[in-house]
Amino acid sequence: MTKLAEDLSSVADVFPLSRPPRDHSRAESTVAFTPEVPSASAAKRLRVFLCHASEDKPEVRKLYRQLLGDGFTPWLDEEDLLPGQDWLREITRVVRASDVVIVCVSSRAVQKQGFIQKEIRMALDVADEMPEGSIYLVPVKLEACDMPSRLTRWHWVELFKQHGYERLQRALALRANAA
């Protein structure tokens, strides 16, 4: 069996099809403008890898919960990486099996050395294999900061701004409907 076949055969292990239900009771926004979000029915199976610096874990946990609650299947190391798994092998496999990689960008992530830089390179390599025009890599600014030059090819979303999450949701739903 080829490496790609092994990776694809274990996608179900990486992204389980069912998650515990989330409480959707949230306070209604007082904002008059609510961007229309495409149907999330196809989004339920969209596999989303969250690339981030460990220093940004609180913000990334919040994003993980939002995505999960909105019917996406996010993958976060502290939630989905099991004890005893070879983390380098698993993360490599998950990045390749993902429908979308969200690269969470902050001033901490931009200046950090280490595995986050390797994750970004892995995602860039997979993005190069995608058909032109497909949404695969989505840079997400967690705060006002510079975008690394290697990610400026893709339009990013500023999650911290009004309607930032809704814009991300729309991009993910578009990708889900195209998949």
Foldseek 3Di string as FASTA:
>chain_A
DDPVVVLVVCLCVQFPLDDDADDPDDDDDPDPDDDDAPDCPLQLEAEEEEQEDPVCVVVVVVVCNVSVNSRHGYGDCVVRPDPPDPVVVSLLSSLLSGLAYEYEDEPCLVPDDDDSVVSVVSNVVSVVVDDPPAHHYEYEYADDDDDPPVPPVDDYFDCPDVCRVVVVSRNSSVNSVVD
